[in-house]
Amino acid sequence: MQYPKSSRVGLTDNELSYELKLLSLFQPETIVEIGSTNGAHVNLISSILKKKKHIIVSIDPWDSLKIHEEYCRNVQLLKKFYRNINYISVRGKSQSPGVIAELEKRLSSVHTGIDYLFIDGAHDEKSVISDWKNYQEFVNKSGIICFHDVLAYEGVALAWKKVVQQLDSNYSTRVINAGGRFLLTGQENVHLGLGYIYKRSVDEDIRTLLESF
């Protein structure tokens, strides 16, 4: 699969291939991404969402005005191409009570929970655990949670280990070590790691695919 050089998405090419394969089958109606930067990941995910109605919520502080403006331009273009997707942005730190309340209000207004939660915000241990605790309660029973960079950053790796240790027997986990070309810089042989958490009751086809990676 070829990706545009301008995508600047912070995954490896193999990670992105795995994720898009999963989401193509899963077709989550509501996606929440913590850490959206310029919207490149949202752009690529949008291309495989085929239901009549999807929601993608981007949560990011957008400390850089330039990056925020780039995100807004990208989303405005996406809205023209993907009429079936409602793009929502919540600006602020994911740990902020106001941001959490805003997401809850948005989800309640459309009577839905999260089907796919992608955690890729601040990479220190405390922040990652906080994102898990604050947002997993909004995830539907059949939902999937993905932690990015579980192999590349010490803080994320420690948080992932602690989260997994606290899960009960109703949950399954899977770490995808899909090394490859880092799409942000072009560097080869980069290993970042996708950590998936899902309930054993998830759709059988989805579970089979996750366990085959």
N, C-alpha and C. Protein backbone atom coordinates (compact mmCIF):
# COMPACT_ATOMS: atom_id res chain seq x y z
N MET A 1 0.84 -1.20 0.00
CA MET A 1 0.00 0.00 0.00
C MET A 1 0.88 1.25 0.00
N GLN A 2 0.56 2.20 -0.83
CA GLN A 2 1.32 3.44 -0.90
C GLN A 2 0.60 4.54 -0.11
N TYR A 3 1.37 5.30 0.66
CA TYR A 3 0.80 6.39 1.44
C TYR A 3 1.40 7.71 0.98
N PRO A 4 0.62 8.76 0.95
CA PRO A 4 1.15 10.05 0.52
C PRO A 4 2.24 10.54 1.45
N LYS A 5 3.28 11.16 0.89
CA LYS A 5 4.39 11.65 1.71
C LYS A 5 3.91 12.69 2.70
N SER A 6 2.85 13.38 2.35
CA SER A 6 2.35 14.46 3.20
C SER A 6 1.53 13.95 4.38
N SER A 7 1.32 12.61 4.44
CA SER A 7 0.44 12.08 5.49
C SER A 7 1.03 12.31 6.88
N ARG A 8 2.34 12.17 7.03
CA ARG A 8 3.02 12.42 8.31
C ARG A 8 2.30 11.76 9.48
N VAL A 9 1.92 10.52 9.30
CA VAL A 9 1.26 9.79 10.38
C VAL A 9 2.32 9.08 11.21
N GLY A 10 2.14 9.06 12.54
CA GLY A 10 3.16 8.54 13.43
C GLY A 10 3.09 7.06 13.67
N LEU A 11 2.89 6.26 12.63
CA LEU A 11 2.90 4.81 12.71
C LEU A 11 3.87 4.27 11.68
N THR A 12 4.23 2.99 11.81
CA THR A 12 5.00 2.36 10.74
C THR A 12 4.03 1.92 9.65
N ASP A 13 4.57 1.66 8.47
CA ASP A 13 3.71 1.22 7.37
C ASP A 13 3.02 -0.09 7.70
N ASN A 14 3.72 -1.00 8.39
CA ASN A 14 3.11 -2.29 8.73
C ASN A 14 2.04 -2.14 9.81
N GLU A 15 2.28 -1.27 10.79
CA GLU A 15 1.26 -1.01 11.81
C GLU A 15 -0.01 -0.48 11.16
N LEU A 16 0.16 0.45 10.27
CA LEU A 16 -1.01 1.05 9.62
C LEU A 16 -1.77 0.02 8.79
N SER A 17 -1.04 -0.85 8.13
CA SER A 17 -1.69 -1.91 7.35
C SER A 17 -2.51 -2.83 8.24
N TYR A 18 -1.94 -3.21 9.39
CA TYR A 18 -2.66 -4.06 10.35
C TYR A 18 -3.91 -3.35 10.84
N GLU A 19 -3.75 -2.08 11.24
CA GLU A 19 -4.88 -1.35 11.80
C GLU A 19 -6.00 -1.17 10.78
N LEU A 20 -5.65 -0.80 9.57
CA LEU A 20 -6.68 -0.60 8.55
C LEU A 20 -7.38 -1.91 8.19
N LYS A 21 -6.65 -3.00 8.23
CA LYS A 21 -7.26 -4.31 7.98
C LYS A 21 -8.29 -4.62 9.07
N LEU A 22 -7.91 -4.34 10.32
CA LEU A 22 -8.81 -4.57 11.44
C LEU A 22 -10.05 -3.69 11.34
N LEU A 23 -9.85 -2.41 11.11
CA LEU A 23 -10.98 -1.47 11.07
C LEU A 23 -11.86 -1.68 9.85
N SER A 24 -11.29 -2.17 8.76
CA SER A 24 -12.10 -2.48 7.58
C SER A 24 -13.11 -3.57 7.89
N LEU A 25 -12.70 -4.53 8.70
CA LEU A 25 -13.61 -5.60 9.11
C LEU A 25 -14.54 -5.14 10.22
N PHE A 26 -14.01 -4.42 11.19
CA PHE A 26 -14.74 -4.01 12.38
C PHE A 26 -15.79 -2.94 12.07
N GLN A 27 -15.46 -1.99 11.23
CA GLN A 27 -16.33 -0.87 10.88
C GLN A 27 -16.93 -0.19 12.12
N PRO A 28 -16.08 0.34 13.00
CA PRO A 28 -16.59 1.01 14.21
C PRO A 28 -17.39 2.26 13.85
N GLU A 29 -18.53 2.42 14.49
CA GLU A 29 -19.36 3.59 14.20
C GLU A 29 -18.83 4.83 14.90
N THR A 30 -18.25 4.65 16.09
CA THR A 30 -17.73 5.80 16.84
C THR A 30 -16.27 5.55 17.21
N ILE A 31 -15.40 6.43 16.74
CA ILE A 31 -13.96 6.34 17.00
C ILE A 31 -13.55 7.57 17.79
N VAL A 32 -12.75 7.36 18.84
CA VAL A 32 -12.17 8.46 19.59
C VAL A 32 -10.66 8.31 19.55
N GLU A 33 -9.99 9.34 19.09
CA GLU A 33 -8.53 9.34 19.01
C GLU A 33 -7.97 10.38 19.96
N ILE A 34 -7.15 9.94 20.89
CA ILE A 34 -6.46 10.85 21.81
C ILE A 34 -5.07 11.10 21.25
N GLY A 35 -4.83 12.31 20.79
CA GLY A 35 -3.57 12.65 20.14
C GLY A 35 -3.70 12.61 18.63
N SER A 36 -4.24 13.68 18.05
CA SER A 36 -4.56 13.67 16.62
C SER A 36 -3.60 14.50 15.77
N THR A 37 -2.81 15.35 16.39
CA THR A 37 -1.87 16.26 15.71
C THR A 37 -2.52 16.87 14.46
N ASN A 38 -1.97 16.57 13.26
CA ASN A 38 -2.46 17.25 12.06
C ASN A 38 -3.61 16.53 11.37
N GLY A 39 -4.08 15.43 11.94
CA GLY A 39 -5.22 14.72 11.36
C GLY A 39 -4.88 13.69 10.31
N ALA A 40 -3.61 13.35 10.15
CA ALA A 40 -3.21 12.37 9.13
C ALA A 40 -3.79 10.99 9.41
N HIS A 41 -3.81 10.59 10.68
CA HIS A 41 -4.35 9.28 11.04
C HIS A 41 -5.86 9.25 10.78
N VAL A 42 -6.53 10.32 11.13
CA VAL A 42 -7.97 10.43 10.87
C VAL A 42 -8.24 10.31 9.37
N ASN A 43 -7.40 10.94 8.58
CA ASN A 43 -7.53 10.89 7.12
C ASN A 43 -7.49 9.45 6.61
N LEU A 44 -6.51 8.69 7.06
CA LEU A 44 -6.32 7.32 6.57
C LEU A 44 -7.43 6.40 7.06
N ILE A 45 -7.87 6.58 8.30
CA ILE A 45 -8.96 5.77 8.83
C ILE A 45 -10.26 6.04 8.06
N SER A 46 -10.48 7.30 7.73
CA SER A 46 -11.72 7.68 7.03
C SER A 46 -11.91 6.90 5.74
N SER A 47 -10.82 6.56 5.10
CA SER A 47 -10.90 5.93 3.77
C SER A 47 -11.50 4.54 3.79
N ILE A 48 -11.59 3.91 4.98
CA ILE A 48 -12.10 2.53 5.02
C ILE A 48 -13.42 2.41 5.79
N LEU A 49 -14.00 3.52 6.18
CA LEU A 49 -15.27 3.48 6.92
C LEU A 49 -16.44 3.54 5.93
N LYS A 50 -17.23 2.48 5.88
CA LYS A 50 -18.21 2.31 4.81
C LYS A 50 -19.67 2.33 5.27
N LYS A 51 -19.92 2.43 6.57
CA LYS A 51 -21.31 2.47 7.02
C LYS A 51 -21.94 3.82 6.67
N LYS A 52 -23.27 3.88 6.81
CA LYS A 52 -23.97 5.12 6.46
C LYS A 52 -23.61 6.26 7.41
N LYS A 53 -23.22 5.90 8.63
CA LYS A 53 -22.93 6.95 9.60
C LYS A 53 -21.80 6.53 10.53
N HIS A 54 -20.77 7.38 10.61
CA HIS A 54 -19.65 7.19 11.53
C HIS A 54 -19.37 8.51 12.24
N ILE A 55 -18.75 8.41 13.40
CA ILE A 55 -18.31 9.59 14.14
C ILE A 55 -16.84 9.41 14.48
N ILE A 56 -16.02 10.41 14.21
CA ILE A 56 -14.62 10.41 14.64
C ILE A 56 -14.39 11.63 15.51
N VAL A 57 -14.00 11.38 16.76
CA VAL A 57 -13.71 12.46 17.70
C VAL A 57 -12.20 12.56 17.90
N SER A 58 -11.65 13.73 17.67
CA SER A 58 -10.23 13.99 17.87
C SER A 58 -10.04 14.81 19.14
N ILE A 59 -9.20 14.30 20.04
CA ILE A 59 -8.88 15.02 21.28
C ILE A 59 -7.40 15.37 21.26
N ASP A 60 -7.09 16.65 21.38
CA ASP A 60 -5.70 17.10 21.31
C ASP A 60 -5.61 18.52 21.86
N PRO A 61 -4.53 18.86 22.57
CA PRO A 61 -4.39 20.24 23.05
C PRO A 61 -4.03 21.20 21.92
N TRP A 62 -3.45 20.66 20.83
CA TRP A 62 -3.01 21.49 19.71
C TRP A 62 -2.29 22.74 20.20
N ASP A 63 -1.19 22.50 20.91
CA ASP A 63 -0.40 23.62 21.44
C ASP A 63 0.21 24.46 20.32
N SER A 64 0.48 23.81 19.19
CA SER A 64 1.03 24.53 18.04
C SER A 64 -0.11 25.04 17.17
N LEU A 65 -0.16 26.35 16.99
CA LEU A 65 -1.20 26.96 16.15
C LEU A 65 -1.09 26.44 14.71
N LYS A 66 0.13 26.26 14.23
CA LYS A 66 0.35 25.78 12.87
C LYS A 66 -0.24 24.39 12.67
N ILE A 67 0.02 23.49 13.63
CA ILE A 67 -0.50 22.12 13.54
C ILE A 67 -2.02 22.12 13.63
N HIS A 68 -2.57 22.96 14.51
CA HIS A 68 -4.03 23.02 14.65
C HIS A 68 -4.67 23.52 13.36
N GLU A 69 -4.08 24.52 12.74
CA GLU A 69 -4.62 25.03 11.47
C GLU A 69 -4.54 23.96 10.39
N GLU A 70 -3.46 23.17 10.40
CA GLU A 70 -3.32 22.09 9.42
C GLU A 70 -4.39 21.03 9.65
N TYR A 71 -4.63 20.69 10.92
CA TYR A 71 -5.68 19.73 11.25
C TYR A 71 -7.03 20.24 10.74
N CYS A 72 -7.35 21.49 11.00
CA CYS A 72 -8.64 22.06 10.59
C CYS A 72 -8.80 22.04 9.07
N ARG A 73 -7.73 22.36 8.35
CA ARG A 73 -7.79 22.32 6.88
C ARG A 73 -8.03 20.89 6.39
N ASN A 74 -7.31 19.94 7.00
CA ASN A 74 -7.47 18.55 6.59
C ASN A 74 -8.90 18.06 6.81
N VAL A 75 -9.46 18.39 7.98
CA VAL A 75 -10.81 17.92 8.30
C VAL A 75 -11.85 18.58 7.38
N GLN A 76 -11.65 19.83 7.05
CA GLN A 76 -12.58 20.49 6.12
C GLN A 76 -12.60 19.80 4.77
N LEU A 77 -11.43 19.34 4.32
CA LEU A 77 -11.36 18.59 3.06
C LEU A 77 -12.02 17.23 3.20
N LEU A 78 -11.78 16.57 4.34
CA LEU A 78 -12.37 15.25 4.56
C LEU A 78 -13.89 15.31 4.55
N LYS A 79 -14.45 16.37 5.10
CA LYS A 79 -15.91 16.51 5.14
C LYS A 79 -16.51 16.54 3.74
N LYS A 80 -15.76 17.02 2.78
CA LYS A 80 -16.25 17.08 1.40
C LYS A 80 -16.24 15.70 0.74
N PHE A 81 -15.28 14.86 1.16
CA PHE A 81 -15.13 13.54 0.54
C PHE A 81 -15.95 12.47 1.24
N TYR A 82 -16.09 12.59 2.56
CA TYR A 82 -16.73 11.53 3.34
C TYR A 82 -17.98 12.08 4.03
N ARG A 83 -19.07 12.06 3.31
CA ARG A 83 -20.33 12.61 3.82
C ARG A 83 -20.92 11.74 4.93
N ASN A 84 -20.44 10.52 5.06
CA ASN A 84 -20.98 9.59 6.06
C ASN A 84 -20.28 9.71 7.41
N ILE A 85 -19.31 10.63 7.51
CA ILE A 85 -18.54 10.75 8.75
C ILE A 85 -18.75 12.13 9.37
N ASN A 86 -19.07 12.12 10.66
CA ASN A 86 -19.19 13.36 11.43
C ASN A 86 -17.88 13.56 12.19
N TYR A 87 -17.14 14.61 11.86
CA TYR A 87 -15.85 14.88 12.49
C TYR A 87 -16.04 15.88 13.63
N ILE A 88 -15.57 15.49 14.80
CA ILE A 88 -15.70 16.33 15.99
C ILE A 88 -14.32 16.51 16.60
N SER A 89 -13.97 17.73 16.96
CA SER A 89 -12.70 17.99 17.64
C SER A 89 -12.96 18.56 19.02
N VAL A 90 -12.20 18.07 19.98
CA VAL A 90 -12.26 18.58 21.35
C VAL A 90 -10.85 19.04 21.70
N ARG A 91 -10.67 20.34 21.84
CA ARG A 91 -9.34 20.89 22.06
C ARG A 91 -9.05 21.02 23.55
N GLY A 92 -7.96 20.41 23.98
CA GLY A 92 -7.55 20.45 25.38
C GLY A 92 -6.81 19.19 25.74
N LYS A 93 -6.21 19.17 26.91
CA LYS A 93 -5.51 17.98 27.37
C LYS A 93 -6.52 16.90 27.74
N SER A 94 -6.21 15.68 27.37
CA SER A 94 -7.17 14.58 27.57
C SER A 94 -7.48 14.34 29.04
N GLN A 95 -6.56 14.74 29.94
CA GLN A 95 -6.80 14.53 31.37
C GLN A 95 -7.70 15.61 31.98
N SER A 96 -7.98 16.65 31.22
CA SER A 96 -8.77 17.77 31.73
C SER A 96 -10.22 17.35 31.97
N PRO A 97 -10.77 17.63 33.16
CA PRO A 97 -12.18 17.31 33.43
C PRO A 97 -13.13 17.93 32.41
N GLY A 98 -12.78 19.12 31.93
CA GLY A 98 -13.62 19.78 30.94
C GLY A 98 -13.66 19.03 29.62
N VAL A 99 -12.52 18.48 29.22
CA VAL A 99 -12.45 17.71 27.97
C VAL A 99 -13.24 16.42 28.10
N ILE A 100 -13.08 15.75 29.23
CA ILE A 100 -13.82 14.50 29.47
C ILE A 100 -15.33 14.76 29.48
N ALA A 101 -15.72 15.85 30.14
CA ALA A 101 -17.15 16.21 30.20
C ALA A 101 -17.69 16.54 28.81
N GLU A 102 -16.87 17.22 28.01
CA GLU A 102 -17.29 17.58 26.65
C GLU A 102 -17.50 16.33 25.80
N LEU A 103 -16.58 15.36 25.94
CA LEU A 103 -16.75 14.11 25.19
C LEU A 103 -18.02 13.39 25.64
N GLU A 104 -18.23 13.32 26.95
CA GLU A 104 -19.42 12.65 27.47
C GLU A 104 -20.69 13.30 26.93
N LYS A 105 -20.69 14.62 26.87
CA LYS A 105 -21.85 15.36 26.35
C LYS A 105 -22.08 15.04 24.87
N ARG A 106 -20.98 15.00 24.12
CA ARG A 106 -21.08 14.71 22.69
C ARG A 106 -21.61 13.30 22.45
N LEU A 107 -21.10 12.34 23.21
CA LEU A 107 -21.54 10.96 23.05
C LEU A 107 -23.01 10.80 23.46
N SER A 108 -23.38 11.46 24.55
CA SER A 108 -24.77 11.37 25.04
C SER A 108 -25.75 11.97 24.05
N SER A 109 -25.32 13.00 23.35
CA SER A 109 -26.22 13.68 22.41
C SER A 109 -26.61 12.80 21.23
N VAL A 110 -25.77 11.81 20.94
CA VAL A 110 -26.08 10.89 19.83
C VAL A 110 -26.33 9.47 20.34
N HIS A 111 -26.47 9.35 21.67
CA HIS A 111 -26.83 8.08 22.31
C HIS A 111 -25.89 6.94 21.90
N THR A 112 -24.61 7.18 22.06
CA THR A 112 -23.64 6.16 21.67
C THR A 112 -22.47 6.13 22.63
N GLY A 113 -21.71 5.04 22.58
CA GLY A 113 -20.45 4.93 23.28
C GLY A 113 -19.34 4.83 22.26
N ILE A 114 -18.15 4.49 22.72
CA ILE A 114 -16.98 4.39 21.84
C ILE A 114 -16.83 2.95 21.35
N ASP A 115 -16.67 2.79 20.05
CA ASP A 115 -16.40 1.47 19.49
C ASP A 115 -14.89 1.22 19.36
N TYR A 116 -14.14 2.26 19.04
CA TYR A 116 -12.68 2.12 18.88
C TYR A 116 -12.01 3.32 19.53
N LEU A 117 -11.23 3.06 20.58
CA LEU A 117 -10.51 4.10 21.30
C LEU A 117 -9.02 3.95 21.00
N PHE A 118 -8.42 4.99 20.43
CA PHE A 118 -7.00 4.98 20.07
C PHE A 118 -6.27 5.95 20.98
N ILE A 119 -5.42 5.42 21.86
CA ILE A 119 -4.71 6.23 22.85
C ILE A 119 -3.29 6.49 22.37
N ASP A 120 -3.02 7.75 22.03
CA ASP A 120 -1.70 8.13 21.50
C ASP A 120 -1.40 9.58 21.88
N GLY A 121 -1.76 9.92 23.13
CA GLY A 121 -1.55 11.28 23.60
C GLY A 121 -0.20 11.44 24.27
N ALA A 122 -0.18 12.06 25.45
CA ALA A 122 1.07 12.19 26.20
C ALA A 122 1.61 10.80 26.53
N HIS A 123 2.94 10.63 26.45
CA HIS A 123 3.53 9.30 26.53
C HIS A 123 4.19 8.97 27.87
N ASP A 124 3.94 9.79 28.89
CA ASP A 124 4.44 9.44 30.21
C ASP A 124 3.46 8.47 30.88
N GLU A 125 3.97 7.68 31.80
CA GLU A 125 3.17 6.61 32.43
C GLU A 125 1.88 7.13 33.05
N LYS A 126 1.98 8.22 33.80
CA LYS A 126 0.81 8.75 34.50
C LYS A 126 -0.29 9.17 33.52
N SER A 127 0.09 9.83 32.45
CA SER A 127 -0.90 10.30 31.47
C SER A 127 -1.58 9.15 30.75
N VAL A 128 -0.81 8.13 30.39
CA VAL A 128 -1.38 6.99 29.67
C VAL A 128 -2.38 6.25 30.55
N ILE A 129 -2.00 6.03 31.81
CA ILE A 129 -2.92 5.36 32.74
C ILE A 129 -4.17 6.21 32.96
N SER A 130 -3.97 7.52 33.04
CA SER A 130 -5.11 8.43 33.21
C SER A 130 -6.06 8.34 32.02
N ASP A 131 -5.50 8.30 30.81
CA ASP A 131 -6.35 8.18 29.62
C ASP A 131 -7.14 6.89 29.64
N TRP A 132 -6.50 5.81 30.06
CA TRP A 132 -7.20 4.53 30.17
C TRP A 132 -8.35 4.62 31.18
N LYS A 133 -8.07 5.13 32.36
CA LYS A 133 -9.08 5.20 33.41
C LYS A 133 -10.23 6.13 33.03
N ASN A 134 -9.91 7.24 32.41
CA ASN A 134 -10.93 8.25 32.11
C ASN A 134 -11.83 7.90 30.93
N TYR A 135 -11.30 7.14 29.98
CA TYR A 135 -12.04 6.93 28.74
C TYR A 135 -12.55 5.51 28.52
N GLN A 136 -11.98 4.53 29.19
CA GLN A 136 -12.44 3.16 28.97
C GLN A 136 -13.88 2.95 29.40
N GLU A 137 -14.36 3.78 30.33
CA GLU A 137 -15.75 3.64 30.79
C GLU A 137 -16.76 4.01 29.70
N PHE A 138 -16.31 4.73 28.68
CA PHE A 138 -17.20 5.11 27.58
C PHE A 138 -17.20 4.07 26.46
N VAL A 139 -16.33 3.07 26.55
CA VAL A 139 -16.19 2.09 25.47
C VAL A 139 -17.31 1.06 25.55
N ASN A 140 -17.93 0.78 24.43
CA ASN A 140 -19.00 -0.22 24.37
C ASN A 140 -18.47 -1.62 24.67
N LYS A 141 -19.37 -2.52 25.05
CA LYS A 141 -18.97 -3.88 25.40
C LYS A 141 -18.27 -4.59 24.26
N SER A 142 -18.64 -4.25 23.05
CA SER A 142 -18.02 -4.88 21.88
C SER A 142 -16.88 -4.04 21.31
N GLY A 143 -16.45 -3.03 22.08
CA GLY A 143 -15.44 -2.11 21.59
C GLY A 143 -14.02 -2.62 21.72
N ILE A 144 -13.11 -1.91 21.09
CA ILE A 144 -11.68 -2.23 21.10
C ILE A 144 -10.91 -0.99 21.51
N ILE A 145 -9.89 -1.20 22.36
CA ILE A 145 -9.01 -0.11 22.79
C ILE A 145 -7.61 -0.40 22.28
N CYS A 146 -6.98 0.61 21.70
CA CYS A 146 -5.62 0.45 21.18
C CYS A 146 -4.69 1.48 21.82
N PHE A 147 -3.61 1.00 22.41
CA PHE A 147 -2.55 1.85 22.94
C PHE A 147 -1.42 1.86 21.91
N HIS A 148 -0.99 3.03 21.49
CA HIS A 148 0.13 3.09 20.54
C HIS A 148 1.45 3.32 21.28
N ASP A 149 2.53 2.81 20.69
CA ASP A 149 3.90 2.98 21.20
C ASP A 149 4.18 2.19 22.47
N VAL A 150 3.56 1.02 22.63
CA VAL A 150 3.76 0.22 23.84
C VAL A 150 5.14 -0.42 23.89
N LEU A 151 5.87 -0.40 22.78
CA LEU A 151 7.22 -0.96 22.75
C LEU A 151 8.30 0.11 22.65
N ALA A 152 7.92 1.31 22.27
CA ALA A 152 8.91 2.34 21.93
C ALA A 152 9.19 3.33 23.06
N TYR A 153 8.24 3.52 23.96
CA TYR A 153 8.40 4.52 25.02
C TYR A 153 8.25 3.86 26.38
N GLU A 154 9.19 4.15 27.26
CA GLU A 154 9.19 3.52 28.58
C GLU A 154 7.90 3.81 29.34
N GLY A 155 7.44 5.06 29.30
CA GLY A 155 6.23 5.43 30.03
C GLY A 155 5.01 4.68 29.54
N VAL A 156 4.90 4.53 28.23
CA VAL A 156 3.76 3.81 27.66
C VAL A 156 3.86 2.32 27.99
N ALA A 157 5.08 1.78 27.90
CA ALA A 157 5.29 0.36 28.20
C ALA A 157 4.93 0.03 29.64
N LEU A 158 5.34 0.90 30.58
CA LEU A 158 5.02 0.68 31.99
C LEU A 158 3.52 0.79 32.24
N ALA A 159 2.90 1.78 31.61
CA ALA A 159 1.45 1.96 31.77
C ALA A 159 0.70 0.75 31.21
N TRP A 160 1.11 0.30 30.04
CA TRP A 160 0.47 -0.86 29.41
C TRP A 160 0.57 -2.08 30.33
N LYS A 161 1.74 -2.31 30.89
CA LYS A 161 1.93 -3.46 31.77
C LYS A 161 1.00 -3.39 32.98
N LYS A 162 0.88 -2.21 33.58
CA LYS A 162 0.03 -2.05 34.76
C LYS A 162 -1.45 -2.22 34.40
N VAL A 163 -1.85 -1.66 33.27
CA VAL A 163 -3.25 -1.79 32.84
C VAL A 163 -3.60 -3.25 32.61
N VAL A 164 -2.74 -3.97 31.90
CA VAL A 164 -2.99 -5.38 31.59
C VAL A 164 -3.07 -6.22 32.86
N GLN A 165 -2.22 -5.92 33.83
CA GLN A 165 -2.21 -6.68 35.09
C GLN A 165 -3.51 -6.53 35.86
N GLN A 166 -4.21 -5.42 35.66
CA GLN A 166 -5.44 -5.15 36.40
C GLN A 166 -6.70 -5.66 35.70
N LEU A 167 -6.56 -6.16 34.49
CA LEU A 167 -7.73 -6.63 33.74
C LEU A 167 -8.25 -7.94 34.31
N ASP A 168 -9.56 -8.13 34.26
CA ASP A 168 -10.11 -9.41 34.71
C ASP A 168 -10.18 -10.38 33.53
N SER A 169 -10.69 -11.56 33.80
CA SER A 169 -10.66 -12.64 32.81
C SER A 169 -11.60 -12.42 31.63
N ASN A 170 -12.42 -11.37 31.70
CA ASN A 170 -13.32 -11.07 30.58
C ASN A 170 -12.60 -10.41 29.41
N TYR A 171 -11.35 -9.97 29.66
CA TYR A 171 -10.61 -9.24 28.64
C TYR A 171 -9.50 -10.08 28.03
N SER A 172 -9.21 -9.79 26.78
CA SER A 172 -8.05 -10.35 26.10
C SER A 172 -7.16 -9.20 25.65
N THR A 173 -5.87 -9.48 25.49
CA THR A 173 -4.94 -8.46 25.04
C THR A 173 -4.07 -9.01 23.91
N ARG A 174 -3.55 -8.11 23.13
CA ARG A 174 -2.69 -8.51 22.02
C ARG A 174 -1.72 -7.36 21.72
N VAL A 175 -0.43 -7.67 21.63
CA VAL A 175 0.57 -6.67 21.24
C VAL A 175 1.04 -6.99 19.83
N ILE A 176 0.94 -6.02 18.96
CA ILE A 176 1.37 -6.17 17.57
C ILE A 176 2.72 -5.47 17.41
N ASN A 177 3.76 -6.27 17.20
CA ASN A 177 5.10 -5.72 16.98
C ASN A 177 5.36 -5.69 15.48
N ALA A 178 4.78 -4.71 14.83
CA ALA A 178 4.85 -4.62 13.37
C ALA A 178 5.89 -3.59 12.96
N GLY A 179 7.14 -3.97 13.08
CA GLY A 179 8.21 -3.05 12.69
C GLY A 179 8.16 -2.75 11.20
N GLY A 180 8.70 -1.61 10.85
CA GLY A 180 8.69 -1.24 9.44
C GLY A 180 9.18 0.18 9.24
N ARG A 181 8.73 0.78 8.16
CA ARG A 181 9.13 2.15 7.83
C ARG A 181 8.25 3.13 8.59
N PHE A 182 8.90 4.01 9.35
CA PHE A 182 8.18 5.02 10.13
C PHE A 182 7.69 6.09 9.16
N LEU A 183 6.37 6.20 9.01
CA LEU A 183 5.80 7.06 7.98
C LEU A 183 6.02 8.55 8.25
N LEU A 184 6.34 8.89 9.50
CA LEU A 184 6.56 10.29 9.84
C LEU A 184 7.89 10.80 9.30
N THR A 185 8.91 9.91 9.30
CA THR A 185 10.26 10.34 8.92
C THR A 185 10.85 9.55 7.76
N GLY A 186 10.29 8.36 7.49
CA GLY A 186 10.87 7.50 6.47
C GLY A 186 11.92 6.55 6.99
N GLN A 187 12.21 6.62 8.29
CA GLN A 187 13.22 5.74 8.88
C GLN A 187 12.76 4.29 8.81
N GLU A 188 13.68 3.38 8.47
CA GLU A 188 13.36 1.97 8.33
C GLU A 188 13.58 1.21 9.64
N ASN A 189 12.96 0.04 9.73
CA ASN A 189 13.12 -0.89 10.85
C ASN A 189 12.81 -0.24 12.20
N VAL A 190 11.69 0.43 12.26
CA VAL A 190 11.23 1.07 13.50
C VAL A 190 10.17 0.19 14.14
N HIS A 191 10.28 -0.02 15.46
CA HIS A 191 9.32 -0.85 16.19
C HIS A 191 8.65 0.01 17.26
N LEU A 192 7.36 0.26 17.10
CA LEU A 192 6.61 1.11 18.02
C LEU A 192 5.66 0.29 18.89
N GLY A 193 4.85 -0.54 18.29
CA GLY A 193 3.97 -1.44 19.05
C GLY A 193 2.55 -0.94 19.22
N LEU A 194 1.60 -1.79 18.84
CA LEU A 194 0.17 -1.54 19.07
C LEU A 194 -0.31 -2.51 20.14
N GLY A 195 -0.86 -1.99 21.22
CA GLY A 195 -1.40 -2.84 22.28
C GLY A 195 -2.92 -2.81 22.27
N TYR A 196 -3.54 -3.95 22.00
CA TYR A 196 -5.00 -4.02 21.89
C TYR A 196 -5.61 -4.67 23.13
N ILE A 197 -6.71 -4.09 23.59
CA ILE A 197 -7.52 -4.66 24.67
C ILE A 197 -8.94 -4.81 24.15
N TYR A 198 -9.51 -5.98 24.34
CA TYR A 198 -10.88 -6.23 23.88
C TYR A 198 -11.50 -7.31 24.74
N LYS A 199 -12.81 -7.29 24.86
CA LYS A 199 -13.51 -8.30 25.64
C LYS A 199 -13.61 -9.60 24.85
N ARG A 200 -13.62 -10.70 25.57
CA ARG A 200 -13.70 -12.01 24.92
C ARG A 200 -15.01 -12.17 24.15
N SER A 201 -15.99 -11.34 24.50
CA SER A 201 -17.30 -11.42 23.84
C SER A 201 -17.33 -10.65 22.52
N VAL A 202 -16.20 -10.07 22.11
CA VAL A 202 -16.16 -9.33 20.85
C VAL A 202 -16.50 -10.28 19.70
N ASP A 203 -16.96 -9.72 18.61
CA ASP A 203 -17.34 -10.53 17.44
C ASP A 203 -16.25 -11.54 17.10
N GLU A 204 -16.66 -12.76 16.80
CA GLU A 204 -15.70 -13.85 16.57
C GLU A 204 -14.74 -13.56 15.43
N ASP A 205 -15.22 -12.95 14.36
CA ASP A 205 -14.35 -12.63 13.22
C ASP A 205 -13.28 -11.62 13.62
N ILE A 206 -13.66 -10.66 14.45
CA ILE A 206 -12.71 -9.65 14.92
C ILE A 206 -11.66 -10.30 15.81
N ARG A 207 -12.11 -11.13 16.73
CA ARG A 207 -11.19 -11.81 17.64
C ARG A 207 -10.21 -12.70 16.87
N THR A 208 -10.72 -13.42 15.89
CA THR A 208 -9.87 -14.29 15.08
C THR A 208 -8.81 -13.48 14.34
N LEU A 209 -9.21 -12.34 13.81
CA LEU A 209 -8.26 -11.49 13.09
C LEU A 209 -7.19 -10.95 14.03
N LEU A 210 -7.60 -10.46 15.20
CA LEU A 210 -6.64 -9.94 16.16
C LEU A 210 -5.64 -11.01 16.59
N GLU A 211 -6.13 -12.20 16.81
CA GLU A 211 -5.27 -13.27 17.29
C GLU A 211 -4.39 -13.85 16.19
N SER A 212 -4.68 -13.48 14.94
CA SER A 212 -3.87 -13.97 13.83
C SER A 212 -2.70 -13.05 13.52
N PHE A 213 -2.71 -11.84 14.06
CA PHE A 213 -1.64 -10.88 13.79
C PHE A 213 -0.33 -11.36 14.41
